[in-house]
Structures are given as structure tokens and as C-alpha cells.
PDB file of all heavy atoms in Angstrom:
ATOM      1  N   PHE A   1       1.808   8.721   9.471  1.00  0.00           N
ATOM      2  CA  PHE A   1       1.540   7.900   8.291  1.00  0.00           C
ATOM      3  C   PHE A   1       0.185   7.222   8.365  1.00  0.00           C
ATOM      4  O   PHE A   1      -0.251   6.809   9.428  1.00  0.00           O
ATOM      5  CB  PHE A   1       2.622   6.801   8.175  1.00  0.00           C
ATOM      6  CG  PHE A   1       4.024   7.317   8.126  1.00  0.00           C
ATOM      7  CD1 PHE A   1       4.930   7.065   9.192  1.00  0.00           C
ATOM      8  CD2 PHE A   1       4.513   8.042   7.047  1.00  0.00           C
ATOM      9  CE1 PHE A   1       6.230   7.542   9.149  1.00  0.00           C
ATOM     10  CE2 PHE A   1       5.822   8.505   7.001  1.00  0.00           C
ATOM     11  CZ  PHE A   1       6.685   8.274   8.048  1.00  0.00           C
ATOM     12  N   HIS A   2      -0.431   7.099   7.210  1.00  0.00           N
ATOM     13  CA  HIS A   2      -1.668   6.350   7.152  1.00  0.00           C
ATOM     14  C   HIS A   2      -1.694   5.297   6.055  1.00  0.00           C
ATOM     15  O   HIS A   2      -2.631   4.535   5.944  1.00  0.00           O
ATOM     16  CB  HIS A   2      -2.880   7.305   6.976  1.00  0.00           C
ATOM     17  CG  HIS A   2      -2.890   8.046   5.679  1.00  0.00           C
ATOM     18  ND1 HIS A   2      -3.343   7.479   4.511  1.00  0.00           N
ATOM     19  CD2 HIS A   2      -2.510   9.303   5.355  1.00  0.00           C
ATOM     20  CE1 HIS A   2      -3.239   8.372   3.538  1.00  0.00           C
ATOM     21  NE2 HIS A   2      -2.721   9.479   3.995  1.00  0.00           N
ATOM     22  N   SER A   3      -0.674   5.310   5.204  1.00  0.00           N
ATOM     23  CA  SER A   3      -0.684   4.332   4.139  1.00  0.00           C
ATOM     24  C   SER A   3       0.721   3.739   3.863  1.00  0.00           C
ATOM     25  O   SER A   3       1.731   4.398   4.226  1.00  0.00           O
ATOM     26  CB  SER A   3      -1.178   4.977   2.807  1.00  0.00           C
ATOM     27  OG  SER A   3      -0.163   5.826   2.285  1.00  0.00           O
ATOM     28  N   SER A   4       0.767   2.597   3.245  1.00  0.00           N
ATOM     29  CA  SER A   4       2.058   1.978   2.912  1.00  0.00           C
ATOM     30  C   SER A   4       2.794   2.878   1.911  1.00  0.00           C
ATOM     31  O   SER A   4       4.033   2.889   1.934  1.00  0.00           O
ATOM     32  CB  SER A   4       1.822   0.598   2.303  1.00  0.00           C
ATOM     33  OG  SER A   4       0.995   0.665   1.116  1.00  0.00           O
ATOM     34  N   MET A   5       2.113   3.546   1.029  1.00  0.00           N
ATOM     35  CA  MET A   5       2.754   4.376   0.047  1.00  0.00           C
ATOM     36  C   MET A   5       3.561   5.483   0.699  1.00  0.00           C
ATOM     37  O   MET A   5       4.653   5.812   0.221  1.00  0.00           O
ATOM     38  CB  MET A   5       1.712   4.930  -0.925  1.00  0.00           C
ATOM     39  CG  MET A   5       1.083   3.856  -1.763  1.00  0.00           C
ATOM     40  SD  MET A   5      -0.281   4.435  -2.857  1.00  0.00           S
ATOM     41  CE  MET A   5      -1.598   4.702  -1.650  1.00  0.00           C
ATOM     42  N   GLN A   6       3.053   6.049   1.763  1.00  0.00           N
ATOM     43  CA  GLN A   6       3.846   7.072   2.487  1.00  0.00           C
ATOM     44  C   GLN A   6       5.128   6.539   3.069  1.00  0.00           C
ATOM     45  O   GLN A   6       6.148   7.249   3.017  1.00  0.00           O
ATOM     46  CB  GLN A   6       2.962   7.696   3.579  1.00  0.00           C
ATOM     47  CG  GLN A   6       1.803   8.523   3.108  1.00  0.00           C
ATOM     48  CD  GLN A   6       0.974   9.036   4.272  1.00  0.00           C
ATOM     49  OE1 GLN A   6       0.578   8.274   5.146  1.00  0.00           O
ATOM     50  NE2 GLN A   6       0.672  10.309   4.290  1.00  0.00           N
ATOM     51  N   LEU A   7       5.092   5.306   3.545  1.00  0.00           N
ATOM     52  CA  LEU A   7       6.311   4.725   4.076  1.00  0.00           C
ATOM     53  C   LEU A   7       7.346   4.516   2.922  1.00  0.00           C
ATOM     54  O   LEU A   7       8.510   4.824   3.074  1.00  0.00           O
ATOM     55  CB  LEU A   7       6.040   3.360   4.728  1.00  0.00           C
ATOM     56  CG  LEU A   7       5.226   3.352   6.030  1.00  0.00           C
ATOM     57  CD1 LEU A   7       5.195   1.933   6.604  1.00  0.00           C
ATOM     58  CD2 LEU A   7       5.778   4.318   7.065  1.00  0.00           C
ATOM     59  N   LEU A   8       6.871   4.021   1.825  1.00  0.00           N
ATOM     60  CA  LEU A   8       7.751   3.822   0.687  1.00  0.00           C
ATOM     61  C   LEU A   8       8.349   5.105   0.169  1.00  0.00           C
ATOM     62  O   LEU A   8       9.520   5.183  -0.201  1.00  0.00           O
ATOM     63  CB  LEU A   8       6.990   3.057  -0.457  1.00  0.00           C
ATOM     64  CG  LEU A   8       6.568   1.645  -0.135  1.00  0.00           C
ATOM     65  CD1 LEU A   8       5.684   1.081  -1.209  1.00  0.00           C
ATOM     66  CD2 LEU A   8       7.801   0.737   0.049  1.00  0.00           C
ATOM     67  N   GLU A   9       7.545   6.157   0.168  1.00  0.00           N
ATOM     68  CA  GLU A   9       7.949   7.460  -0.327  1.00  0.00           C
ATOM     69  C   GLU A   9       9.062   8.104   0.474  1.00  0.00           C
ATOM     70  O   GLU A   9       9.776   8.978  -0.002  1.00  0.00           O
ATOM     71  CB  GLU A   9       6.781   8.445  -0.422  1.00  0.00           C
ATOM     72  CG  GLU A   9       5.854   8.194  -1.606  1.00  0.00           C
ATOM     73  CD  GLU A   9       4.671   9.165  -1.638  1.00  0.00           C
ATOM     74  OE1 GLU A   9       4.253   9.537  -0.534  1.00  0.00           O
ATOM     75  OE2 GLU A   9       4.259   9.546  -2.731  1.00  0.00           O
ATOM     76  N   THR A  10       9.263   7.659   1.756  1.00  0.00           N
ATOM     77  CA  THR A  10      10.346   8.196   2.548  1.00  0.00           C
ATOM     78  C   THR A  10      11.685   7.926   1.980  1.00  0.00           C
ATOM     79  O   THR A  10      12.678   8.630   2.239  1.00  0.00           O
ATOM     80  CB  THR A  10      10.322   7.673   3.984  1.00  0.00           C
ATOM     81  OG1 THR A  10      10.600   6.244   3.969  1.00  0.00           O
ATOM     82  CG2 THR A  10       8.984   7.902   4.680  1.00  0.00           C
ATOM     83  N   GLY A  11      11.771   6.841   1.160  1.00  0.00           N
ATOM     84  CA  GLY A  11      13.053   6.460   0.579  1.00  0.00           C
ATOM     85  C   GLY A  11      14.006   5.719   1.528  1.00  0.00           C
ATOM     86  O   GLY A  11      15.093   5.346   1.160  1.00  0.00           O
ATOM     87  N   LEU A  12      13.543   5.501   2.755  1.00  0.00           N
ATOM     88  CA  LEU A  12      14.412   4.945   3.784  1.00  0.00           C
ATOM     89  C   LEU A  12      14.740   3.456   3.513  1.00  0.00           C
ATOM     90  O   LEU A  12      15.837   3.015   3.841  1.00  0.00           O
ATOM     91  CB  LEU A  12      13.791   5.091   5.193  1.00  0.00           C
ATOM     92  CG  LEU A  12      13.694   6.500   5.708  1.00  0.00           C
ATOM     93  CD1 LEU A  12      12.917   6.527   7.038  1.00  0.00           C
ATOM     94  CD2 LEU A  12      15.099   7.077   5.920  1.00  0.00           C
ATOM     95  N   PHE A  13      13.839   2.745   2.889  1.00  0.00           N
ATOM     96  CA  PHE A  13      14.087   1.306   2.668  1.00  0.00           C
ATOM     97  C   PHE A  13      15.137   1.164   1.551  1.00  0.00           C
ATOM     98  O   PHE A  13      16.043   0.344   1.697  1.00  0.00           O
ATOM     99  CB  PHE A  13      12.791   0.557   2.269  1.00  0.00           C
ATOM    100  CG  PHE A  13      11.787   0.531   3.356  1.00  0.00           C
ATOM    101  CD1 PHE A  13      10.688   1.384   3.345  1.00  0.00           C
ATOM    102  CD2 PHE A  13      11.911  -0.361   4.417  1.00  0.00           C
ATOM    103  CE1 PHE A  13       9.744   1.317   4.377  1.00  0.00           C
ATOM    104  CE2 PHE A  13      10.983  -0.416   5.449  1.00  0.00           C
ATOM    105  CZ  PHE A  13       9.907   0.467   5.394  1.00  0.00           C
ATOM    106  N   ASP A  14      15.009   1.941   0.521  1.00  0.00           N
ATOM    107  CA  ASP A  14      16.013   1.894  -0.545  1.00  0.00           C
ATOM    108  C   ASP A  14      17.388   2.420   0.001  1.00  0.00           C
ATOM    109  O   ASP A  14      18.440   1.831  -0.340  1.00  0.00           O
ATOM    110  CB  ASP A  14      15.582   2.722  -1.742  1.00  0.00           C
ATOM    111  CG  ASP A  14      14.602   1.975  -2.632  1.00  0.00           C
ATOM    112  OD1 ASP A  14      14.769   0.760  -2.804  1.00  0.00           O
ATOM    113  OD2 ASP A  14      13.651   2.614  -3.153  1.00  0.00           O
ATOM    114  N   LYS A  15      17.350   3.431   0.763  1.00  0.00           N
ATOM    115  CA  LYS A  15      18.577   3.976   1.365  1.00  0.00           C
ATOM    116  C   LYS A  15      19.312   2.942   2.216  1.00  0.00           C
ATOM    117  O   LYS A  15      20.550   2.867   2.218  1.00  0.00           O
ATOM    118  CB  LYS A  15      18.289   5.227   2.175  1.00  0.00           C
ATOM    119  CG  LYS A  15      19.509   5.918   2.766  1.00  0.00           C
ATOM    120  CD  LYS A  15      19.148   7.148   3.532  1.00  0.00           C
ATOM    121  CE  LYS A  15      20.355   7.853   4.103  1.00  0.00           C
ATOM    122  NZ  LYS A  15      19.989   9.075   4.898  1.00  0.00           N
ATOM    123  N   ALA A  16      18.529   2.125   2.899  1.00  0.00           N
ATOM    124  CA  ALA A  16      19.094   1.056   3.739  1.00  0.00           C
ATOM    125  C   ALA A  16      19.516  -0.168   2.974  1.00  0.00           C
ATOM    126  O   ALA A  16      20.120  -1.096   3.533  1.00  0.00           O
ATOM    127  CB  ALA A  16      18.095   0.686   4.854  1.00  0.00           C
ATOM    128  N   GLY A  17      19.195  -0.175   1.693  1.00  0.00           N
ATOM    129  CA  GLY A  17      19.575  -1.312   0.883  1.00  0.00           C
ATOM    130  C   GLY A  17      18.674  -2.549   1.004  1.00  0.00           C
ATOM    131  O   GLY A  17      19.158  -3.674   0.808  1.00  0.00           O
ATOM    132  N   PHE A  18      17.421  -2.358   1.341  1.00  0.00           N
ATOM    133  CA  PHE A  18      16.494  -3.487   1.419  1.00  0.00           C
ATOM    134  C   PHE A  18      16.406  -4.160   0.069  1.00  0.00           C
ATOM    135  O   PHE A  18      16.242  -3.518  -0.972  1.00  0.00           O
ATOM    136  CB  PHE A  18      15.121  -3.028   1.930  1.00  0.00           C
ATOM    137  CG  PHE A  18      14.941  -3.118   3.381  1.00  0.00           C
ATOM    138  CD1 PHE A  18      15.902  -2.603   4.228  1.00  0.00           C
ATOM    139  CD2 PHE A  18      13.799  -3.671   3.915  1.00  0.00           C
ATOM    140  CE1 PHE A  18      15.750  -2.662   5.598  1.00  0.00           C
ATOM    141  CE2 PHE A  18      13.620  -3.774   5.296  1.00  0.00           C
ATOM    142  CZ  PHE A  18      14.624  -3.277   6.149  1.00  0.00           C
ATOM    143  N   THR A  19      16.532  -5.479   0.050  1.00  0.00           N
ATOM    144  CA  THR A  19      16.491  -6.212  -1.159  1.00  0.00           C
ATOM    145  C   THR A  19      15.092  -6.653  -1.631  1.00  0.00           C
ATOM    146  O   THR A  19      14.890  -6.932  -2.813  1.00  0.00           O
ATOM    147  CB  THR A  19      17.365  -7.508  -1.063  1.00  0.00           C
ATOM    148  OG1 THR A  19      16.850  -8.286   0.079  1.00  0.00           O
ATOM    149  CG2 THR A  19      18.805  -7.124  -0.764  1.00  0.00           C
ATOM    150  N   ARG A  20      14.143  -6.720  -0.674  1.00  0.00           N
ATOM    151  CA  ARG A  20      12.789  -7.089  -0.991  1.00  0.00           C
ATOM    152  C   ARG A  20      11.838  -6.179  -0.230  1.00  0.00           C
ATOM    153  O   ARG A  20      12.006  -5.996   0.987  1.00  0.00           O
ATOM    154  CB  ARG A  20      12.490  -8.545  -0.623  1.00  0.00           C
ATOM    155  CG  ARG A  20      12.805  -9.536  -1.721  1.00  0.00           C
ATOM    156  CD  ARG A  20      12.252 -10.922  -1.360  1.00  0.00           C
ATOM    157  NE  ARG A  20      12.427 -11.856  -2.464  1.00  0.00           N
ATOM    158  CZ  ARG A  20      11.524 -12.038  -3.431  1.00  0.00           C
ATOM    159  NH1 ARG A  20      10.413 -11.348  -3.414  1.00  0.00           N
ATOM    160  NH2 ARG A  20      11.760 -12.921  -4.383  1.00  0.00           N
ATOM    161  N   LEU A  21      10.834  -5.691  -0.923  1.00  0.00           N
ATOM    162  CA  LEU A  21       9.743  -4.923  -0.354  1.00  0.00           C
ATOM    163  C   LEU A  21       8.409  -5.476  -0.880  1.00  0.00           C
ATOM    164  O   LEU A  21       8.163  -5.424  -2.068  1.00  0.00           O
ATOM    165  CB  LEU A  21       9.861  -3.440  -0.724  1.00  0.00           C
ATOM    166  CG  LEU A  21      11.077  -2.686  -0.184  1.00  0.00           C
ATOM    167  CD1 LEU A  21      11.150  -1.291  -0.793  1.00  0.00           C
ATOM    168  CD2 LEU A  21      11.061  -2.590   1.313  1.00  0.00           C
ATOM    169  N   HIS A  22       7.682  -6.053   0.029  1.00  0.00           N
ATOM    170  CA  HIS A  22       6.377  -6.630  -0.354  1.00  0.00           C
ATOM    171  C   HIS A  22       5.274  -5.679   0.111  1.00  0.00           C
ATOM    172  O   HIS A  22       5.421  -4.965   1.107  1.00  0.00           O
ATOM    173  CB  HIS A  22       6.203  -8.024   0.238  1.00  0.00           C
ATOM    174  CG  HIS A  22       7.054  -9.056  -0.413  1.00  0.00           C
ATOM    175  ND1 HIS A  22       6.970 -10.401  -0.140  1.00  0.00           N
ATOM    176  CD2 HIS A  22       8.030  -8.940  -1.328  1.00  0.00           C
ATOM    177  CE1 HIS A  22       7.861 -11.057  -0.859  1.00  0.00           C
ATOM    178  NE2 HIS A  22       8.520 -10.212  -1.605  1.00  0.00           N
ATOM    179  N   VAL A  23       4.146  -5.706  -0.618  1.00  0.00           N
ATOM    180  CA  VAL A  23       2.987  -4.852  -0.316  1.00  0.00           C
ATOM    181  C   VAL A  23       1.749  -5.733  -0.274  1.00  0.00           C
ATOM    182  O   VAL A  23       1.774  -6.873  -0.735  1.00  0.00           O
ATOM    183  CB  VAL A  23       2.860  -3.717  -1.353  1.00  0.00           C
ATOM    184  CG1 VAL A  23       3.987  -2.732  -1.282  1.00  0.00           C
ATOM    185  CG2 VAL A  23       2.774  -4.303  -2.797  1.00  0.00           C
ATOM    186  N   ALA A  24       0.684  -5.168   0.300  1.00  0.00           N
ATOM    187  CA  ALA A  24      -0.518  -5.961   0.499  1.00  0.00           C
ATOM    188  C   ALA A  24      -1.413  -5.948  -0.711  1.00  0.00           C
ATOM    189  O   ALA A  24      -1.521  -4.938  -1.431  1.00  0.00           O
ATOM    190  CB  ALA A  24      -1.260  -5.420   1.705  1.00  0.00           C
ATOM    191  N   GLY A  25      -2.108  -7.085  -0.930  1.00  0.00           N
ATOM    192  CA  GLY A  25      -3.129  -7.161  -1.989  1.00  0.00           C
ATOM    193  C   GLY A  25      -4.426  -7.644  -1.398  1.00  0.00           C
ATOM    194  O   GLY A  25      -4.451  -8.350  -0.373  1.00  0.00           O
ATOM    195  N   HIS A  26      -5.517  -7.271  -2.041  1.00  0.00           N
ATOM    196  CA  HIS A  26      -6.864  -7.557  -1.488  1.00  0.00           C
ATOM    197  C   HIS A  26      -7.783  -8.126  -2.561  1.00  0.00           C
ATOM    198  O   HIS A  26      -8.511  -7.385  -3.224  1.00  0.00           O
ATOM    199  CB  HIS A  26      -7.476  -6.297  -0.892  1.00  0.00           C
ATOM    200  CG  HIS A  26      -6.578  -5.597   0.122  1.00  0.00           C
ATOM    201  ND1 HIS A  26      -6.540  -6.063   1.449  1.00  0.00           N
ATOM    202  CD2 HIS A  26      -5.706  -4.588   0.017  1.00  0.00           C
ATOM    203  CE1 HIS A  26      -5.646  -5.295   2.077  1.00  0.00           C
ATOM    204  NE2 HIS A  26      -5.130  -4.411   1.237  1.00  0.00           N
ATOM    205  N   PRO A  27      -7.766  -9.441  -2.766  1.00  0.00           N
ATOM    206  CA  PRO A  27      -8.606 -10.057  -3.824  1.00  0.00           C
ATOM    207  C   PRO A  27     -10.053  -9.732  -3.671  1.00  0.00           C
ATOM    208  O   PRO A  27     -10.801  -9.740  -4.699  1.00  0.00           O
ATOM    209  CB  PRO A  27      -8.320 -11.550  -3.670  1.00  0.00           C
ATOM    210  CG  PRO A  27      -6.976 -11.618  -3.035  1.00  0.00           C
ATOM    211  CD  PRO A  27      -6.876 -10.454  -2.133  1.00  0.00           C
ATOM    212  N   GLU A  28     -10.553  -9.534  -2.486  1.00  0.00           N
ATOM    213  CA  GLU A  28     -11.979  -9.274  -2.254  1.00  0.00           C
ATOM    214  C   GLU A  28     -12.243  -7.859  -1.792  1.00  0.00           C
ATOM    215  O   GLU A  28     -13.223  -7.551  -1.130  1.00  0.00           O
ATOM    216  CB  GLU A  28     -12.529 -10.290  -1.273  1.00  0.00           C
ATOM    217  CG  GLU A  28     -12.434 -11.725  -1.756  1.00  0.00           C
ATOM    218  CD  GLU A  28     -13.114 -12.698  -0.844  1.00  0.00           C
ATOM    219  OE1 GLU A  28     -12.542 -13.041   0.198  1.00  0.00           O
ATOM    220  OE2 GLU A  28     -14.247 -13.149  -1.141  1.00  0.00           O
ATOM    221  N   GLY A  29     -11.321  -6.952  -2.142  1.00  0.00           N
ATOM    222  CA  GLY A  29     -11.467  -5.550  -1.760  1.00  0.00           C
ATOM    223  C   GLY A  29     -11.071  -5.275  -0.332  1.00  0.00           C
ATOM    224  O   GLY A  29     -10.698  -6.165   0.438  1.00  0.00           O
ATOM    225  N   ASN A  30     -11.158  -3.990   0.043  1.00  0.00           N
ATOM    226  CA  ASN A  30     -10.778  -3.593   1.393  1.00  0.00           C
ATOM    227  C   ASN A  30     -11.660  -2.384   1.781  1.00  0.00           C
ATOM    228  O   ASN A  30     -11.471  -1.282   1.259  1.00  0.00           O
ATOM    229  CB  ASN A  30      -9.313  -3.214   1.450  1.00  0.00           C
ATOM    230  CG  ASN A  30      -8.859  -2.872   2.869  1.00  0.00           C
ATOM    231  OD1 ASN A  30      -9.666  -2.516   3.741  1.00  0.00           O
ATOM    232  ND2 ASN A  30      -7.575  -2.992   3.134  1.00  0.00           N
ATOM    233  N   ARG A  31     -12.654  -2.613   2.661  1.00  0.00           N
ATOM    234  CA  ARG A  31     -13.574  -1.546   2.967  1.00  0.00           C
ATOM    235  C   ARG A  31     -12.933  -0.431   3.787  1.00  0.00           C
ATOM    236  O   ARG A  31     -13.520   0.635   3.919  1.00  0.00           O
ATOM    237  CB  ARG A  31     -14.771  -2.133   3.741  1.00  0.00           C
ATOM    238  CG  ARG A  31     -15.739  -2.899   2.821  1.00  0.00           C
ATOM    239  CD  ARG A  31     -16.997  -3.288   3.501  1.00  0.00           C
ATOM    240  NE  ARG A  31     -17.954  -3.880   2.581  1.00  0.00           N
ATOM    241  CZ  ARG A  31     -18.871  -3.246   1.873  1.00  0.00           C
ATOM    242  NH1 ARG A  31     -18.895  -1.919   1.919  1.00  0.00           N
ATOM    243  NH2 ARG A  31     -19.666  -3.849   1.070  1.00  0.00           N
ATOM    244  N   ASP A  32     -11.716  -0.666   4.331  1.00  0.00           N
ATOM    245  CA  ASP A  32     -11.035   0.451   4.978  1.00  0.00           C
ATOM    246  C   ASP A  32     -10.609   1.479   3.947  1.00  0.00           C
ATOM    247  O   ASP A  32     -10.371   2.673   4.264  1.00  0.00           O
ATOM    248  CB  ASP A  32      -9.809  -0.083   5.717  1.00  0.00           C
ATOM    249  CG  ASP A  32     -10.154  -0.778   7.029  1.00  0.00           C
ATOM    250  OD1 ASP A  32     -11.311  -0.626   7.472  1.00  0.00           O
ATOM    251  OD2 ASP A  32      -9.314  -1.489   7.543  1.00  0.00           O
ATOM    252  N   ILE A  33     -10.450   1.008   2.691  1.00  0.00           N
ATOM    253  CA  ILE A  33      -9.993   1.915   1.618  1.00  0.00           C
ATOM    254  C   ILE A  33     -11.151   2.295   0.713  1.00  0.00           C
ATOM    255  O   ILE A  33     -11.298   3.450   0.369  1.00  0.00           O
ATOM    256  CB  ILE A  33      -8.865   1.239   0.834  1.00  0.00           C
ATOM    257  CG1 ILE A  33      -7.711   0.862   1.757  1.00  0.00           C
ATOM    258  CG2 ILE A  33      -8.409   2.083  -0.306  1.00  0.00           C
ATOM    259  CD1 ILE A  33      -6.623   0.069   1.110  1.00  0.00           C
ATOM    260  N   ASP A  34     -11.913   1.307   0.303  1.00  0.00           N
ATOM    261  CA  ASP A  34     -13.107   1.550  -0.555  1.00  0.00           C
ATOM    262  C   ASP A  34     -14.335   1.243   0.273  1.00  0.00           C
ATOM    263  O   ASP A  34     -14.831   0.098   0.293  1.00  0.00           O
ATOM    264  CB  ASP A  34     -13.066   0.633  -1.798  1.00  0.00           C
ATOM    265  CG  ASP A  34     -12.028   1.095  -2.823  1.00  0.00           C
ATOM    266  OD1 ASP A  34     -12.296   2.116  -3.476  1.00  0.00           O
ATOM    267  OD2 ASP A  34     -10.970   0.452  -2.905  1.00  0.00           O
ATOM    268  N   ALA A  35     -14.874   2.250   0.931  1.00  0.00           N
ATOM    269  CA  ALA A  35     -16.002   2.048   1.807  1.00  0.00           C
ATOM    270  C   ALA A  35     -17.255   1.608   1.098  1.00  0.00           C
ATOM    271  O   ALA A  35     -18.164   1.016   1.698  1.00  0.00           O
ATOM    272  CB  ALA A  35     -16.303   3.383   2.550  1.00  0.00           C
ATOM    273  N   ASP A  36     -17.320   1.868  -0.215  1.00  0.00           N
ATOM    274  CA  ASP A  36     -18.493   1.451  -0.956  1.00  0.00           C
ATOM    275  C   ASP A  36     -18.481   0.018  -1.383  1.00  0.00           C
ATOM    276  O   ASP A  36     -19.424  -0.439  -2.056  1.00  0.00           O
ATOM    277  CB  ASP A  36     -18.714   2.369  -2.187  1.00  0.00           C
ATOM    278  CG  ASP A  36     -17.546   2.240  -3.198  1.00  0.00           C
ATOM    279  OD1 ASP A  36     -16.571   1.484  -2.922  1.00  0.00           O
ATOM    280  OD2 ASP A  36     -17.582   2.897  -4.252  1.00  0.00           O
ATOM    281  N   GLY A  37     -17.459  -0.703  -0.991  1.00  0.00           N
ATOM    282  CA  GLY A  37     -17.308  -2.116  -1.370  1.00  0.00           C
ATOM    283  C   GLY A  37     -16.716  -2.342  -2.737  1.00  0.00           C
ATOM    284  O   GLY A  37     -16.575  -3.510  -3.168  1.00  0.00           O
ATOM    285  N   GLY A  38     -16.332  -1.299  -3.445  1.00  0.00           N
ATOM    286  CA  GLY A  38     -15.698  -1.451  -4.763  1.00  0.00           C
ATOM    287  C   GLY A  38     -14.184  -1.641  -4.607  1.00  0.00           C
ATOM    288  O   GLY A  38     -13.683  -2.088  -3.547  1.00  0.00           O
ATOM    289  N   GLU A  39     -13.468  -1.310  -5.638  1.00  0.00           N
ATOM    290  CA  GLU A  39     -12.020  -1.488  -5.638  1.00  0.00           C
ATOM    291  C   GLU A  39     -11.300  -0.353  -6.337  1.00  0.00           C
ATOM    292  O   GLU A  39     -10.110  -0.498  -6.688  1.00  0.00           O
ATOM    293  CB  GLU A  39     -11.600  -2.834  -6.203  1.00  0.00           C
ATOM    294  CG  GLU A  39     -11.924  -3.038  -7.691  1.00  0.00           C
ATOM    295  CD  GLU A  39     -11.390  -4.369  -8.190  1.00  0.00           C
ATOM    296  OE1 GLU A  39     -10.982  -5.247  -7.375  1.00  0.00           O
ATOM    297  OE2 GLU A  39     -11.346  -4.523  -9.422  1.00  0.00           O
ATOM    298  N   ALA A  40     -11.954   0.778  -6.562  1.00  0.00           N
ATOM    299  CA  ALA A  40     -11.306   1.867  -7.300  1.00  0.00           C
ATOM    300  C   ALA A  40     -10.038   2.370  -6.595  1.00  0.00           C
ATOM    301  O   ALA A  40      -9.003   2.536  -7.249  1.00  0.00           O
ATOM    302  CB  ALA A  40     -12.302   3.046  -7.471  1.00  0.00           C
ATOM    303  N   GLU A  41     -10.100   2.531  -5.305  1.00  0.00           N
ATOM    304  CA  GLU A  41      -8.968   3.062  -4.562  1.00  0.00           C
ATOM    305  C   GLU A  41      -7.854   2.001  -4.406  1.00  0.00           C
ATOM    306  O   GLU A  41      -6.685   2.374  -4.559  1.00  0.00           O
ATOM    307  CB  GLU A  41      -9.395   3.614  -3.191  1.00  0.00           C
ATOM    308  CG  GLU A  41     -10.352   4.796  -3.256  1.00  0.00           C
ATOM    309  CD  GLU A  41      -9.713   5.976  -3.998  1.00  0.00           C
ATOM    310  OE1 GLU A  41      -8.516   6.204  -3.810  1.00  0.00           O
ATOM    311  OE2 GLU A  41     -10.425   6.670  -4.724  1.00  0.00           O
ATOM    312  N   VAL A  42      -8.221   0.768  -4.108  1.00  0.00           N
ATOM    313  CA  VAL A  42      -7.193  -0.236  -3.953  1.00  0.00           C
ATOM    314  C   VAL A  42      -6.487  -0.514  -5.292  1.00  0.00           C
ATOM    315  O   VAL A  42      -5.323  -0.807  -5.335  1.00  0.00           O
ATOM    316  CB  VAL A  42      -7.747  -1.597  -3.340  1.00  0.00           C
ATOM    317  CG1 VAL A  42      -8.125  -1.354  -1.899  1.00  0.00           C
ATOM    318  CG2 VAL A  42      -8.886  -2.133  -4.127  1.00  0.00           C
ATOM    319  N   MET A  43      -7.240  -0.398  -6.380  1.00  0.00           N
ATOM    320  CA  MET A  43      -6.628  -0.617  -7.709  1.00  0.00           C
ATOM    321  C   MET A  43      -5.700   0.549  -8.051  1.00  0.00           C
ATOM    322  O   MET A  43      -4.622   0.349  -8.580  1.00  0.00           O
ATOM    323  CB  MET A  43      -7.707  -0.797  -8.777  1.00  0.00           C
ATOM    324  CG  MET A  43      -7.171  -1.368 -10.062  1.00  0.00           C
ATOM    325  SD  MET A  43      -6.452  -3.030  -9.861  1.00  0.00           S
ATOM    326  CE  MET A  43      -7.894  -4.058  -9.597  1.00  0.00           C
ATOM    327  N   ALA A  44      -6.088   1.779  -7.675  1.00  0.00           N
ATOM    328  CA  ALA A  44      -5.228   2.920  -7.870  1.00  0.00           C
ATOM    329  C   ALA A  44      -3.957   2.754  -7.058  1.00  0.00           C
ATOM    330  O   ALA A  44      -2.857   3.098  -7.530  1.00  0.00           O
ATOM    331  CB  ALA A  44      -5.964   4.197  -7.507  1.00  0.00           C
TER     332      ALA A  44
END
């Protein structure tokens, strides 16, 4: 795995009946995802 989306796509959290799933947000971008300093990928 390299992304949170891949973990969610496994379906294992829903199968286990998880009631809350939180994900990360980046108000000032994330250069690990958008190396150019933008936010196209994090917004996608």
C-alpha cells in the first residue's frame, strides 16, 4: 500500500463494522503528493 485510498478500497473497515473512518487533510498542501507545491493531486 502507498495511499489511504488503497486501504479503504480493501473493504475491510466496512466489513468489520467500523463506525467512523477519518482521513487526512492538508490546508497548506502536501509535497509528498504534489511535488510542485500545488494541490491538484490532494484535491483529487
